[in-house]
Amino acid sequence: LCFVGEVKFKNKKICKNILNLLKSKAKSLNLAPNYYIIISKNGFSKEIDKICEQNLLLLDLNDFKILLEE
């Protein structure tokens, strides 16, 4: 399995452009990822949320809350 991902810790939502850049980086490295993973501090734009790709995982800080609970 091959995973390619990026973490963005910005005060704005992540847009589709970040996914396109990630795919471009993978292609330039001759990678064929099974999954693309993007982790965002402040969530995602409506545009990227609408993308229904089975190999795309979008995670924000809320997805990690359970790890912080005692």
PDB file of N, CA and C in Angstrom:
ATOM      1  N   LEU A   1       0.834  -1.199   0.000  1.00  0.00           N
ATOM      2  CA  LEU A   1       0.000   0.000   0.000  1.00  0.00           C
ATOM      3  C   LEU A   1       0.867   1.247   0.000  1.00  0.00           C
ATOM      4  N   CYS A   2       0.375   2.253  -0.650  1.00  0.00           N
ATOM      5  CA  CYS A   2       1.087   3.532  -0.699  1.00  0.00           C
ATOM      6  C   CYS A   2       0.129   4.636  -0.256  1.00  0.00           C
ATOM      7  N   PHE A   3       0.559   5.405   0.733  1.00  0.00           N
ATOM      8  CA  PHE A   3      -0.210   6.540   1.239  1.00  0.00           C
ATOM      9  C   PHE A   3       0.574   7.815   0.962  1.00  0.00           C
ATOM     10  N   VAL A   4      -0.110   8.833   0.457  1.00  0.00           N
ATOM     11  CA  VAL A   4       0.494  10.145   0.264  1.00  0.00           C
ATOM     12  C   VAL A   4      -0.397  11.138   0.981  1.00  0.00           C
ATOM     13  N   GLY A   5       0.210  11.970   1.810  1.00  0.00           N
ATOM     14  CA  GLY A   5      -0.608  12.893   2.579  1.00  0.00           C
ATOM     15  C   GLY A   5       0.069  14.210   2.845  1.00  0.00           C
ATOM     16  N   GLU A   6      -0.728  15.109   3.384  1.00  0.00           N
ATOM     17  CA  GLU A   6      -0.237  16.432   3.723  1.00  0.00           C
ATOM     18  C   GLU A   6      -1.017  16.938   4.926  1.00  0.00           C
ATOM     19  N   VAL A   7      -0.317  17.655   5.791  1.00  0.00           N
ATOM     20  CA  VAL A   7      -0.939  18.262   6.966  1.00  0.00           C
ATOM     21  C   VAL A   7      -0.861  19.769   6.801  1.00  0.00           C
ATOM     22  N   LYS A   8      -1.997  20.431   6.974  1.00  0.00           N
ATOM     23  CA  LYS A   8      -2.058  21.890   6.870  1.00  0.00           C
ATOM     24  C   LYS A   8      -2.566  22.451   8.192  1.00  0.00           C
ATOM     25  N   PHE A   9      -1.749  23.248   8.840  1.00  0.00           N
ATOM     26  CA  PHE A   9      -2.108  23.843  10.125  1.00  0.00           C
ATOM     27  C   PHE A   9      -2.289  25.344   9.925  1.00  0.00           C
ATOM     28  N   LYS A  10      -3.310  25.687   9.156  1.00  0.00           N
ATOM     29  CA  LYS A  10      -3.589  27.083   8.815  1.00  0.00           C
ATOM     30  C   LYS A  10      -4.925  27.500   9.407  1.00  0.00           C
ATOM     31  N   ASN A  11      -5.150  28.802   9.452  1.00  0.00           N
ATOM     32  CA  ASN A  11      -6.398  29.335  10.004  1.00  0.00           C
ATOM     33  C   ASN A  11      -7.485  29.482   8.945  1.00  0.00           C
ATOM     34  N   LYS A  12      -7.355  28.761   7.850  1.00  0.00           N
ATOM     35  CA  LYS A  12      -8.390  28.795   6.816  1.00  0.00           C
ATOM     36  C   LYS A  12      -8.671  27.375   6.353  1.00  0.00           C
ATOM     37  N   LYS A  13      -9.808  27.207   5.711  1.00  0.00           N
ATOM     38  CA  LYS A  13     -10.198  25.886   5.222  1.00  0.00           C
ATOM     39  C   LYS A  13      -9.341  25.504   4.012  1.00  0.00           C
ATOM     40  N   ILE A  14      -9.152  24.216   3.851  1.00  0.00           N
ATOM     41  CA  ILE A  14      -8.350  23.699   2.748  1.00  0.00           C
ATOM     42  C   ILE A  14      -9.235  23.547   1.510  1.00  0.00           C
ATOM     43  N   CYS A  15      -8.717  23.980   0.359  1.00  0.00           N
ATOM     44  CA  CYS A  15      -9.496  23.914  -0.879  1.00  0.00           C
ATOM     45  C   CYS A  15      -8.981  22.793  -1.789  1.00  0.00           C
ATOM     46  N   LYS A  16      -9.686  22.598  -2.882  1.00  0.00           N
ATOM     47  CA  LYS A  16      -9.384  21.529  -3.835  1.00  0.00           C
ATOM     48  C   LYS A  16      -7.978  21.665  -4.415  1.00  0.00           C
ATOM     49  N   ASN A  17      -7.466  22.872  -4.474  1.00  0.00           N
ATOM     50  CA  ASN A  17      -6.140  23.112  -5.024  1.00  0.00           C
ATOM     51  C   ASN A  17      -5.068  22.303  -4.289  1.00  0.00           C
ATOM     52  N   ILE A  18      -5.210  22.137  -2.979  1.00  0.00           N
ATOM     53  CA  ILE A  18      -4.236  21.369  -2.194  1.00  0.00           C
ATOM     54  C   ILE A  18      -4.238  19.910  -2.642  1.00  0.00           C
ATOM     55  N   LEU A  19      -5.411  19.362  -2.911  1.00  0.00           N
ATOM     56  CA  LEU A  19      -5.498  17.986  -3.406  1.00  0.00           C
ATOM     57  C   LEU A  19      -4.827  17.866  -4.770  1.00  0.00           C
ATOM     58  N   ASN A  20      -5.078  18.826  -5.645  1.00  0.00           N
ATOM     59  CA  ASN A  20      -4.457  18.798  -6.968  1.00  0.00           C
ATOM     60  C   ASN A  20      -2.935  18.869  -6.864  1.00  0.00           C
ATOM     61  N   LEU A  21      -2.424  19.709  -5.965  1.00  0.00           N
ATOM     62  CA  LEU A  21      -0.977  19.807  -5.760  1.00  0.00           C
ATOM     63  C   LEU A  21      -0.408  18.502  -5.209  1.00  0.00           C
ATOM     64  N   LEU A  22      -1.131  17.879  -4.299  1.00  0.00           N
ATOM     65  CA  LEU A  22      -0.685  16.615  -3.716  1.00  0.00           C
ATOM     66  C   LEU A  22      -0.610  15.526  -4.792  1.00  0.00           C
ATOM     67  N   LYS A  23      -1.612  15.473  -5.647  1.00  0.00           N
ATOM     68  CA  LYS A  23      -1.604  14.494  -6.736  1.00  0.00           C
ATOM     69  C   LYS A  23      -0.451  14.764  -7.703  1.00  0.00           C
ATOM     70  N   SER A  24      -0.183  16.037  -7.955  1.00  0.00           N
ATOM     71  CA  SER A  24       0.917  16.412  -8.841  1.00  0.00           C
ATOM     72  C   SER A  24       2.267  16.009  -8.248  1.00  0.00           C
ATOM     73  N   LYS A  25       2.428  16.212  -6.944  1.00  0.00           N
ATOM     74  CA  LYS A  25       3.673  15.822  -6.272  1.00  0.00           C
ATOM     75  C   LYS A  25       3.876  14.314  -6.345  1.00  0.00           C
ATOM     76  N   ALA A  26       2.814  13.559  -6.122  1.00  0.00           N
ATOM     77  CA  ALA A  26       2.903  12.098  -6.183  1.00  0.00           C
ATOM     78  C   ALA A  26       3.300  11.645  -7.588  1.00  0.00           C
ATOM     79  N   LYS A  27       2.699  12.272  -8.583  1.00  0.00           N
ATOM     80  CA  LYS A  27       3.008  11.914  -9.968  1.00  0.00           C
ATOM     81  C   LYS A  27       4.462  12.226 -10.305  1.00  0.00           C
ATOM     82  N   SER A  28       4.958  13.376  -9.846  1.00  0.00           N
ATOM     83  CA  SER A  28       6.345  13.753 -10.137  1.00  0.00           C
ATOM     84  C   SER A  28       7.346  12.817  -9.465  1.00  0.00           C
ATOM     85  N   LEU A  29       6.923  12.145  -8.401  1.00  0.00           N
ATOM     86  CA  LEU A  29       7.774  11.172  -7.708  1.00  0.00           C
ATOM     87  C   LEU A  29       7.534   9.744  -8.201  1.00  0.00           C
ATOM     88  N   ASN A  30       6.743   9.625  -9.262  1.00  0.00           N
ATOM     89  CA  ASN A  30       6.384   8.317  -9.834  1.00  0.00           C
ATOM     90  C   ASN A  30       5.717   7.404  -8.813  1.00  0.00           C
ATOM     91  N   LEU A  31       4.883   7.982  -7.966  1.00  0.00           N
ATOM     92  CA  LEU A  31       4.128   7.212  -6.981  1.00  0.00           C
ATOM     93  C   LEU A  31       2.714   6.973  -7.496  1.00  0.00           C
ATOM     94  N   ALA A  32       2.173   5.841  -7.141  1.00  0.00           N
ATOM     95  CA  ALA A  32       0.780   5.520  -7.461  1.00  0.00           C
ATOM     96  C   ALA A  32       0.074   5.217  -6.145  1.00  0.00           C
ATOM     97  N   PRO A  33      -0.314   6.263  -5.417  1.00  0.00           N
ATOM     98  CA  PRO A  33      -0.889   6.063  -4.077  1.00  0.00           C
ATOM     99  C   PRO A  33      -2.226   5.333  -4.106  1.00  0.00           C
ATOM    100  N   ASN A  34      -2.400   4.472  -3.112  1.00  0.00           N
ATOM    101  CA  ASN A  34      -3.703   3.855  -2.905  1.00  0.00           C
ATOM    102  C   ASN A  34      -4.640   4.844  -2.225  1.00  0.00           C
ATOM    103  N   TYR A  35      -4.063   5.723  -1.407  1.00  0.00           N
ATOM    104  CA  TYR A  35      -4.855   6.709  -0.667  1.00  0.00           C
ATOM    105  C   TYR A  35      -4.144   8.051  -0.625  1.00  0.00           C
ATOM    106  N   TYR A  36      -4.948   9.106  -0.739  1.00  0.00           N
ATOM    107  CA  TYR A  36      -4.487  10.463  -0.483  1.00  0.00           C
ATOM    108  C   TYR A  36      -5.111  10.885   0.839  1.00  0.00           C
ATOM    109  N   ILE A  37      -4.307  11.446   1.724  1.00  0.00           N
ATOM    110  CA  ILE A  37      -4.790  11.865   3.037  1.00  0.00           C
ATOM    111  C   ILE A  37      -4.426  13.328   3.241  1.00  0.00           C
ATOM    112  N   ILE A  38      -5.417  14.126   3.602  1.00  0.00           N
ATOM    113  CA  ILE A  38      -5.163  15.529   3.932  1.00  0.00           C
ATOM    114  C   ILE A  38      -5.719  15.781   5.326  1.00  0.00           C
ATOM    115  N   ILE A  39      -4.873  16.323   6.181  1.00  0.00           N
ATOM    116  CA  ILE A  39      -5.270  16.664   7.548  1.00  0.00           C
ATOM    117  C   ILE A  39      -5.246  18.179   7.663  1.00  0.00           C
ATOM    118  N   SER A  40      -6.342  18.744   8.166  1.00  0.00           N
ATOM    119  CA  SER A  40      -6.493  20.194   8.242  1.00  0.00           C
ATOM    120  C   SER A  40      -6.847  20.646   9.651  1.00  0.00           C
ATOM    121  N   LYS A  41      -6.261  21.748  10.053  1.00  0.00           N
ATOM    122  CA  LYS A  41      -6.591  22.350  11.352  1.00  0.00           C
ATOM    123  C   LYS A  41      -8.026  22.877  11.359  1.00  0.00           C
ATOM    124  N   ASN A  42      -8.451  23.486  10.260  1.00  0.00           N
ATOM    125  CA  ASN A  42      -9.741  24.176  10.230  1.00  0.00           C
ATOM    126  C   ASN A  42     -10.735  23.649   9.208  1.00  0.00           C
ATOM    127  N   GLY A  43     -10.624  22.401   8.835  1.00  0.00           N
ATOM    128  CA  GLY A  43     -11.624  21.821   7.949  1.00  0.00           C
ATOM    129  C   GLY A  43     -11.354  22.068   6.481  1.00  0.00           C
ATOM    130  N   PHE A  44     -12.407  21.853   5.681  1.00  0.00           N
ATOM    131  CA  PHE A  44     -12.265  21.853   4.232  1.00  0.00           C
ATOM    132  C   PHE A  44     -13.357  22.683   3.570  1.00  0.00           C
ATOM    133  N   SER A  45     -13.037  23.204   2.393  1.00  0.00           N
ATOM    134  CA  SER A  45     -14.017  23.975   1.630  1.00  0.00           C
ATOM    135  C   SER A  45     -15.124  23.045   1.143  1.00  0.00           C
ATOM    136  N   LYS A  46     -16.265  23.639   0.786  1.00  0.00           N
ATOM    137  CA  LYS A  46     -17.383  22.848   0.254  1.00  0.00           C
ATOM    138  C   LYS A  46     -16.967  22.125  -1.020  1.00  0.00           C
ATOM    139  N   GLU A  47     -16.117  22.766  -1.802  1.00  0.00           N
ATOM    140  CA  GLU A  47     -15.667  22.202  -3.076  1.00  0.00           C
ATOM    141  C   GLU A  47     -14.938  20.869  -2.873  1.00  0.00           C
ATOM    142  N   ILE A  48     -14.021  20.812  -1.924  1.00  0.00           N
ATOM    143  CA  ILE A  48     -13.271  19.569  -1.705  1.00  0.00           C
ATOM    144  C   ILE A  48     -14.125  18.554  -0.941  1.00  0.00           C
ATOM    145  N   ASP A  49     -15.038  19.027  -0.114  1.00  0.00           N
ATOM    146  CA  ASP A  49     -15.941  18.117   0.607  1.00  0.00           C
ATOM    147  C   ASP A  49     -16.852  17.343  -0.346  1.00  0.00           C
ATOM    148  N   LYS A  50     -17.155  17.930  -1.499  1.00  0.00           N
ATOM    149  CA  LYS A  50     -18.046  17.298  -2.473  1.00  0.00           C
ATOM    150  C   LYS A  50     -17.361  16.185  -3.264  1.00  0.00           C
ATOM    151  N   ILE A  51     -16.050  16.141  -3.220  1.00  0.00           N
ATOM    152  CA  ILE A  51     -15.320  15.134  -3.986  1.00  0.00           C
ATOM    153  C   ILE A  51     -15.555  13.770  -3.355  1.00  0.00           C
ATOM    154  N   CYS A  52     -16.067  12.868  -4.136  1.00  0.00           N
ATOM    155  CA  CYS A  52     -16.403  11.525  -3.631  1.00  0.00           C
ATOM    156  C   CYS A  52     -15.443  10.500  -4.216  1.00  0.00           C
ATOM    157  N   GLU A  53     -14.215  10.561  -3.795  1.00  0.00           N
ATOM    158  CA  GLU A  53     -13.236   9.577  -4.230  1.00  0.00           C
ATOM    159  C   GLU A  53     -13.011   8.603  -3.089  1.00  0.00           C
ATOM    160  N   GLN A  54     -13.074   7.325  -3.387  1.00  0.00           N
ATOM    161  CA  GLN A  54     -12.894   6.314  -2.347  1.00  0.00           C
ATOM    162  C   GLN A  54     -11.493   6.338  -1.765  1.00  0.00           C
ATOM    163  N   ASN A  55     -10.543   6.858  -2.514  1.00  0.00           N
ATOM    164  CA  ASN A  55      -9.162   6.852  -2.047  1.00  0.00           C
ATOM    165  C   ASN A  55      -8.733   8.185  -1.427  1.00  0.00           C
ATOM    166  N   LEU A  56      -9.700   9.016  -1.052  1.00  0.00           N
ATOM    167  CA  LEU A  56      -9.403  10.311  -0.448  1.00  0.00           C
ATOM    168  C   LEU A  56      -9.910  10.345   0.990  1.00  0.00           C
ATOM    169  N   LEU A  57      -8.999  10.608   1.910  1.00  0.00           N
ATOM    170  CA  LEU A  57      -9.362  10.742   3.321  1.00  0.00           C
ATOM    171  C   LEU A  57      -9.115  12.178   3.752  1.00  0.00           C
ATOM    172  N   LEU A  58     -10.168  12.848   4.208  1.00  0.00           N
ATOM    173  CA  LEU A  58     -10.073  14.217   4.704  1.00  0.00           C
ATOM    174  C   LEU A  58     -10.304  14.189   6.203  1.00  0.00           C
ATOM    175  N   LEU A  59      -9.327  14.628   6.959  1.00  0.00           N
ATOM    176  CA  LEU A  59      -9.412  14.605   8.415  1.00  0.00           C
ATOM    177  C   LEU A  59      -9.156  15.997   8.967  1.00  0.00           C
ATOM    178  N   ASP A  60      -9.934  16.369   9.996  1.00  0.00           N
ATOM    179  CA  ASP A  60      -9.651  17.615  10.703  1.00  0.00           C
ATOM    180  C   ASP A  60      -9.438  17.300  12.178  1.00  0.00           C
ATOM    181  N   LEU A  61      -9.209  18.326  12.970  1.00  0.00           N
ATOM    182  CA  LEU A  61      -8.883  18.106  14.381  1.00  0.00           C
ATOM    183  C   LEU A  61      -9.991  17.380  15.132  1.00  0.00           C
ATOM    184  N   ASN A  62     -11.238  17.550  14.710  1.00  0.00           N
ATOM    185  CA  ASN A  62     -12.347  16.849  15.367  1.00  0.00           C
ATOM    186  C   ASN A  62     -12.211  15.334  15.248  1.00  0.00           C
ATOM    187  N   ASP A  63     -11.591  14.876  14.179  1.00  0.00           N
ATOM    188  CA  ASP A  63     -11.398  13.439  13.992  1.00  0.00           C
ATOM    189  C   ASP A  63     -10.394  12.855  14.984  1.00  0.00           C
ATOM    190  N   PHE A  64      -9.626  13.716  15.627  1.00  0.00           N
ATOM    191  CA  PHE A  64      -8.607  13.259  16.568  1.00  0.00           C
ATOM    192  C   PHE A  64      -8.990  13.502  18.024  1.00  0.00           C
ATOM    193  N   LYS A  65     -10.170  14.061  18.270  1.00  0.00           N
ATOM    194  CA  LYS A  65     -10.597  14.363  19.644  1.00  0.00           C
ATOM    195  C   LYS A  65     -10.619  13.129  20.534  1.00  0.00           C
ATOM    196  N   ILE A  66     -11.041  12.009  19.996  1.00  0.00           N
ATOM    197  CA  ILE A  66     -11.129  10.788  20.799  1.00  0.00           C
ATOM    198  C   ILE A  66      -9.759  10.379  21.339  1.00  0.00           C
ATOM    199  N   LEU A  67      -8.716  10.718  20.608  1.00  0.00           N
ATOM    200  CA  LEU A  67      -7.362  10.394  21.068  1.00  0.00           C
ATOM    201  C   LEU A  67      -6.948  11.242  22.265  1.00  0.00           C
ATOM    202  N   LEU A  68      -7.575  12.414  22.397  1.00  0.00           N
ATOM    203  CA  LEU A  68      -7.219  13.334  23.471  1.00  0.00           C
ATOM    204  C   LEU A  68      -8.066  13.149  24.718  1.00  0.00           C
ATOM    205  N   GLU A  69      -9.168  12.411  24.584  1.00  0.00           N
ATOM    206  CA  GLU A  69     -10.047  12.193  25.731  1.00  0.00           C
ATOM    207  C   GLU A  69      -9.423  11.188  26.685  1.00  0.00           C
ATOM    208  N   GLU A  70      -9.673  11.392  27.953  1.00  0.00           N
ATOM    209  CA  GLU A  70      -9.107  10.493  28.964  1.00  0.00           C
ATOM    210  C   GLU A  70     -10.098   9.431  29.348  1.00  0.00           C
TER     211      GLU A  70
END
